[in-house]
Amino acid sequence: MTESEFMSRVDATLERIEEILDDAETDLDCESNGGMLTVKCENGSQIIFTRQPPVKQLWVATRHGGFHFDHDGKQWLRDTDGATLADVLQATFTEQAGESFDFSEI
């Protein structure tokens, strides 16, 4: 994957995440800035997404740690155990925001 393809893929993923979160029942504040998306939850916790072009990874920082995701051509997979980004986000938002979202389309 070229750097341009990587950047486009991350941008599309972050835009889709924002679209999904627009339907939130809780008060989530999304701020996007130069390849970084910060989601502030009602309880004050944050979930931060950043793109890492040198290693072609999407990094996600949560209350329980940071995770790195590689794209396999179809989906984002956590580099440590192969968990999908969709599954990790489902669990993270349920725990941190107290709301469940369907991230299966990212």
N, C-alpha and C. Protein backbone atom coordinates (compact mmCIF):
# COMPACT_ATOMS: atom_id res chain seq x y z
N MET A 1 0.85 -1.17 0.00
CA MET A 1 0.00 0.00 0.00
C MET A 1 0.90 1.24 0.00
N THR A 2 0.60 2.16 -0.89
CA THR A 2 1.37 3.39 -0.94
C THR A 2 0.97 4.29 0.22
N GLU A 3 1.77 5.32 0.47
CA GLU A 3 1.44 6.25 1.55
C GLU A 3 0.14 6.98 1.24
N SER A 4 -0.09 7.32 -0.01
CA SER A 4 -1.32 7.99 -0.42
C SER A 4 -2.54 7.09 -0.18
N GLU A 5 -2.42 5.82 -0.52
CA GLU A 5 -3.52 4.88 -0.28
C GLU A 5 -3.77 4.72 1.21
N PHE A 6 -2.70 4.66 1.98
CA PHE A 6 -2.83 4.55 3.44
C PHE A 6 -3.57 5.76 4.00
N MET A 7 -3.15 6.95 3.59
CA MET A 7 -3.77 8.18 4.11
C MET A 7 -5.26 8.22 3.75
N SER A 8 -5.59 7.85 2.52
CA SER A 8 -6.99 7.83 2.09
C SER A 8 -7.79 6.82 2.89
N ARG A 9 -7.21 5.66 3.14
CA ARG A 9 -7.90 4.61 3.89
C ARG A 9 -8.17 5.06 5.33
N VAL A 10 -7.17 5.66 5.97
CA VAL A 10 -7.36 6.15 7.34
C VAL A 10 -8.40 7.26 7.37
N ASP A 11 -8.29 8.21 6.44
CA ASP A 11 -9.26 9.31 6.41
C ASP A 11 -10.68 8.79 6.24
N ALA A 12 -10.87 7.83 5.36
CA ALA A 12 -12.20 7.24 5.14
C ALA A 12 -12.69 6.53 6.40
N THR A 13 -11.79 5.84 7.09
CA THR A 13 -12.15 5.14 8.33
C THR A 13 -12.57 6.13 9.40
N LEU A 14 -11.79 7.19 9.58
CA LEU A 14 -12.11 8.18 10.61
C LEU A 14 -13.43 8.90 10.29
N GLU A 15 -13.65 9.20 9.01
CA GLU A 15 -14.91 9.83 8.62
C GLU A 15 -16.09 8.91 8.91
N ARG A 16 -15.94 7.64 8.64
CA ARG A 16 -17.02 6.67 8.90
C ARG A 16 -17.29 6.56 10.39
N ILE A 17 -16.24 6.54 11.21
CA ILE A 17 -16.41 6.50 12.66
C ILE A 17 -17.19 7.71 13.13
N GLU A 18 -16.84 8.90 12.63
CA GLU A 18 -17.58 10.12 12.99
C GLU A 18 -19.05 10.02 12.60
N GLU A 19 -19.31 9.50 11.41
CA GLU A 19 -20.70 9.34 10.96
C GLU A 19 -21.48 8.42 11.90
N ILE A 20 -20.87 7.33 12.30
CA ILE A 20 -21.53 6.38 13.21
C ILE A 20 -21.82 7.06 14.55
N LEU A 21 -20.85 7.84 15.04
CA LEU A 21 -21.01 8.48 16.34
C LEU A 21 -21.99 9.65 16.31
N ASP A 22 -22.30 10.16 15.12
CA ASP A 22 -23.29 11.24 15.00
C ASP A 22 -24.65 10.81 15.53
N ASP A 23 -24.93 9.52 15.51
CA ASP A 23 -26.22 9.00 15.97
C ASP A 23 -26.22 8.68 17.47
N ALA A 24 -25.21 9.10 18.18
CA ALA A 24 -25.10 8.78 19.60
C ALA A 24 -26.23 9.39 20.42
N GLU A 25 -26.69 8.62 21.38
CA GLU A 25 -27.69 9.12 22.32
C GLU A 25 -27.01 9.88 23.45
N THR A 26 -25.79 9.49 23.77
CA THR A 26 -25.02 10.19 24.80
C THR A 26 -24.32 11.39 24.17
N ASP A 27 -23.78 12.24 25.01
CA ASP A 27 -23.10 13.46 24.54
C ASP A 27 -21.65 13.15 24.21
N LEU A 28 -21.38 12.84 22.94
CA LEU A 28 -20.02 12.60 22.47
C LEU A 28 -19.58 13.80 21.65
N ASP A 29 -18.37 14.29 21.92
CA ASP A 29 -17.83 15.42 21.18
C ASP A 29 -16.67 14.92 20.34
N CYS A 30 -16.79 15.06 19.02
CA CYS A 30 -15.74 14.61 18.10
C CYS A 30 -15.00 15.82 17.54
N GLU A 31 -13.68 15.73 17.57
CA GLU A 31 -12.85 16.80 17.02
C GLU A 31 -11.81 16.17 16.10
N SER A 32 -11.83 16.58 14.85
CA SER A 32 -10.92 16.03 13.85
C SER A 32 -9.92 17.10 13.44
N ASN A 33 -8.63 16.70 13.39
CA ASN A 33 -7.60 17.66 13.06
C ASN A 33 -6.39 16.96 12.47
N GLY A 34 -6.18 17.09 11.19
CA GLY A 34 -4.97 16.60 10.54
C GLY A 34 -4.66 15.14 10.75
N GLY A 35 -5.60 14.26 10.51
CA GLY A 35 -5.35 12.84 10.66
C GLY A 35 -5.49 12.33 12.08
N MET A 36 -6.03 13.17 12.94
CA MET A 36 -6.26 12.77 14.34
C MET A 36 -7.72 13.05 14.67
N LEU A 37 -8.37 12.07 15.29
CA LEU A 37 -9.75 12.20 15.73
C LEU A 37 -9.79 11.98 17.24
N THR A 38 -10.32 12.96 17.95
CA THR A 38 -10.47 12.84 19.40
C THR A 38 -11.95 12.79 19.71
N VAL A 39 -12.35 11.76 20.45
CA VAL A 39 -13.74 11.61 20.87
C VAL A 39 -13.78 11.77 22.39
N LYS A 40 -14.52 12.78 22.84
CA LYS A 40 -14.66 13.03 24.28
C LYS A 40 -16.01 12.49 24.71
N CYS A 41 -15.98 11.62 25.71
CA CYS A 41 -17.20 11.00 26.23
C CYS A 41 -17.78 11.84 27.36
N GLU A 42 -19.05 11.61 27.67
CA GLU A 42 -19.74 12.34 28.74
C GLU A 42 -19.01 12.26 30.07
N ASN A 43 -18.39 11.11 30.35
CA ASN A 43 -17.73 10.91 31.63
C ASN A 43 -16.33 11.52 31.68
N GLY A 44 -15.92 12.23 30.63
CA GLY A 44 -14.63 12.90 30.61
C GLY A 44 -13.51 12.08 29.99
N SER A 45 -13.74 10.81 29.74
CA SER A 45 -12.70 9.99 29.12
C SER A 45 -12.63 10.31 27.63
N GLN A 46 -11.51 9.95 27.02
CA GLN A 46 -11.30 10.22 25.61
C GLN A 46 -10.86 8.96 24.87
N ILE A 47 -11.18 8.93 23.60
CA ILE A 47 -10.69 7.90 22.69
C ILE A 47 -10.04 8.66 21.54
N ILE A 48 -8.77 8.40 21.30
CA ILE A 48 -8.01 9.19 20.33
C ILE A 48 -7.48 8.28 19.22
N PHE A 49 -7.75 8.68 17.99
CA PHE A 49 -7.30 7.95 16.81
C PHE A 49 -6.23 8.79 16.11
N THR A 50 -5.11 8.18 15.77
CA THR A 50 -4.07 8.88 15.02
C THR A 50 -3.52 7.97 13.93
N ARG A 51 -3.20 8.58 12.81
CA ARG A 51 -2.58 7.80 11.74
C ARG A 51 -1.07 7.89 11.90
N GLN A 52 -0.41 6.81 11.57
CA GLN A 52 1.04 6.72 11.70
C GLN A 52 1.62 6.29 10.35
N PRO A 53 1.84 7.25 9.43
CA PRO A 53 2.32 6.93 8.09
C PRO A 53 3.64 6.14 8.03
N PRO A 54 4.63 6.42 8.88
CA PRO A 54 5.88 5.67 8.75
C PRO A 54 5.71 4.15 8.88
N VAL A 55 4.75 3.72 9.71
CA VAL A 55 4.53 2.28 9.91
C VAL A 55 3.21 1.81 9.30
N LYS A 56 2.50 2.74 8.64
CA LYS A 56 1.20 2.46 8.00
C LYS A 56 0.23 1.79 8.97
N GLN A 57 0.08 2.42 10.13
CA GLN A 57 -0.83 1.92 11.15
C GLN A 57 -1.80 3.00 11.60
N LEU A 58 -2.94 2.56 12.08
CA LEU A 58 -3.91 3.41 12.75
C LEU A 58 -3.76 3.11 14.23
N TRP A 59 -3.49 4.14 15.03
CA TRP A 59 -3.32 3.94 16.46
C TRP A 59 -4.56 4.46 17.18
N VAL A 60 -4.98 3.72 18.21
CA VAL A 60 -6.14 4.09 19.00
C VAL A 60 -5.74 4.09 20.48
N ALA A 61 -5.92 5.23 21.13
CA ALA A 61 -5.63 5.36 22.55
C ALA A 61 -6.96 5.37 23.31
N THR A 62 -7.06 4.49 24.30
CA THR A 62 -8.26 4.40 25.12
C THR A 62 -7.87 4.52 26.59
N ARG A 63 -8.86 4.48 27.43
CA ARG A 63 -8.61 4.53 28.87
C ARG A 63 -7.79 3.32 29.33
N HIS A 64 -7.86 2.23 28.57
CA HIS A 64 -7.17 1.00 28.96
C HIS A 64 -5.88 0.73 28.19
N GLY A 65 -5.44 1.69 27.41
CA GLY A 65 -4.17 1.52 26.72
C GLY A 65 -4.24 1.92 25.26
N GLY A 66 -3.11 1.76 24.60
CA GLY A 66 -3.01 2.10 23.19
C GLY A 66 -2.93 0.84 22.34
N PHE A 67 -3.53 0.92 21.17
CA PHE A 67 -3.58 -0.23 20.27
C PHE A 67 -3.18 0.20 18.87
N HIS A 68 -2.50 -0.69 18.17
CA HIS A 68 -2.02 -0.41 16.81
C HIS A 68 -2.71 -1.36 15.85
N PHE A 69 -3.20 -0.80 14.73
CA PHE A 69 -3.94 -1.59 13.75
C PHE A 69 -3.28 -1.49 12.38
N ASP A 70 -3.17 -2.65 11.73
CA ASP A 70 -2.69 -2.76 10.35
C ASP A 70 -3.87 -3.09 9.47
N HIS A 71 -3.83 -2.62 8.22
CA HIS A 71 -4.90 -2.96 7.28
C HIS A 71 -4.46 -4.12 6.41
N ASP A 72 -5.29 -5.15 6.31
CA ASP A 72 -4.93 -6.35 5.54
C ASP A 72 -5.52 -6.34 4.13
N GLY A 73 -6.02 -5.18 3.71
CA GLY A 73 -6.66 -5.09 2.40
C GLY A 73 -8.17 -5.12 2.49
N LYS A 74 -8.68 -5.62 3.61
CA LYS A 74 -10.13 -5.70 3.82
C LYS A 74 -10.56 -4.96 5.09
N GLN A 75 -9.76 -5.07 6.15
CA GLN A 75 -10.15 -4.49 7.43
C GLN A 75 -8.92 -4.18 8.27
N TRP A 76 -9.14 -3.39 9.32
CA TRP A 76 -8.08 -3.05 10.26
C TRP A 76 -8.00 -4.15 11.32
N LEU A 77 -6.78 -4.65 11.56
CA LEU A 77 -6.56 -5.72 12.54
C LEU A 77 -5.50 -5.28 13.55
N ARG A 78 -5.78 -5.53 14.82
CA ARG A 78 -4.82 -5.18 15.87
C ARG A 78 -3.56 -6.02 15.69
N ASP A 79 -2.41 -5.38 15.77
CA ASP A 79 -1.15 -6.06 15.48
C ASP A 79 -0.74 -7.10 16.51
N THR A 80 -1.32 -7.06 17.70
CA THR A 80 -0.93 -8.01 18.74
C THR A 80 -1.70 -9.32 18.70
N ASP A 81 -2.99 -9.25 18.31
CA ASP A 81 -3.81 -10.46 18.39
C ASP A 81 -4.78 -10.65 17.23
N GLY A 82 -4.79 -9.74 16.26
CA GLY A 82 -5.66 -9.88 15.11
C GLY A 82 -7.10 -9.47 15.34
N ALA A 83 -7.40 -8.90 16.50
CA ALA A 83 -8.77 -8.42 16.76
C ALA A 83 -9.10 -7.31 15.76
N THR A 84 -10.35 -7.28 15.29
CA THR A 84 -10.73 -6.25 14.34
C THR A 84 -10.94 -4.91 15.04
N LEU A 85 -10.71 -3.84 14.29
CA LEU A 85 -10.97 -2.50 14.82
C LEU A 85 -12.43 -2.38 15.23
N ALA A 86 -13.34 -2.95 14.43
CA ALA A 86 -14.77 -2.89 14.75
C ALA A 86 -15.06 -3.50 16.12
N ASP A 87 -14.49 -4.67 16.40
CA ASP A 87 -14.73 -5.33 17.69
C ASP A 87 -14.12 -4.53 18.85
N VAL A 88 -12.93 -4.01 18.64
CA VAL A 88 -12.26 -3.24 19.70
C VAL A 88 -13.06 -1.97 19.99
N LEU A 89 -13.53 -1.29 18.94
CA LEU A 89 -14.32 -0.07 19.15
C LEU A 89 -15.66 -0.37 19.80
N GLN A 90 -16.27 -1.47 19.42
CA GLN A 90 -17.54 -1.86 20.05
C GLN A 90 -17.36 -1.97 21.56
N ALA A 91 -16.34 -2.70 21.99
CA ALA A 91 -16.08 -2.89 23.42
C ALA A 91 -15.68 -1.58 24.09
N THR A 92 -14.84 -0.81 23.43
CA THR A 92 -14.34 0.44 24.01
C THR A 92 -15.46 1.45 24.23
N PHE A 93 -16.30 1.65 23.22
CA PHE A 93 -17.38 2.64 23.37
C PHE A 93 -18.45 2.16 24.35
N THR A 94 -18.69 0.87 24.41
CA THR A 94 -19.64 0.36 25.39
C THR A 94 -19.12 0.66 26.79
N GLU A 95 -17.84 0.44 27.00
CA GLU A 95 -17.24 0.63 28.32
C GLU A 95 -17.04 2.12 28.65
N GLN A 96 -16.50 2.90 27.71
CA GLN A 96 -16.17 4.29 28.02
C GLN A 96 -17.34 5.26 27.84
N ALA A 97 -18.17 5.03 26.84
CA ALA A 97 -19.28 5.96 26.58
C ALA A 97 -20.60 5.44 27.11
N GLY A 98 -20.64 4.16 27.48
CA GLY A 98 -21.89 3.58 27.98
C GLY A 98 -22.94 3.41 26.90
N GLU A 99 -22.47 3.30 25.65
CA GLU A 99 -23.39 3.17 24.52
C GLU A 99 -22.78 2.21 23.50
N SER A 100 -23.66 1.45 22.87
CA SER A 100 -23.23 0.47 21.89
C SER A 100 -23.43 1.01 20.47
N PHE A 101 -22.44 0.80 19.62
CA PHE A 101 -22.50 1.23 18.22
C PHE A 101 -22.16 0.04 17.33
N ASP A 102 -22.62 0.11 16.09
CA ASP A 102 -22.31 -0.92 15.10
C ASP A 102 -21.19 -0.41 14.20
N PHE A 103 -19.98 -0.89 14.43
CA PHE A 103 -18.82 -0.48 13.65
C PHE A 103 -18.47 -1.49 12.57
N SER A 104 -19.38 -2.38 12.24
CA SER A 104 -19.07 -3.46 11.29
C SER A 104 -18.74 -2.96 9.89
N GLU A 105 -19.12 -1.73 9.57
CA GLU A 105 -18.88 -1.21 8.22
C GLU A 105 -17.55 -0.49 8.08
N ILE A 106 -16.73 -0.45 9.09
CA ILE A 106 -15.46 0.26 8.96
C ILE A 106 -14.34 -0.69 8.56
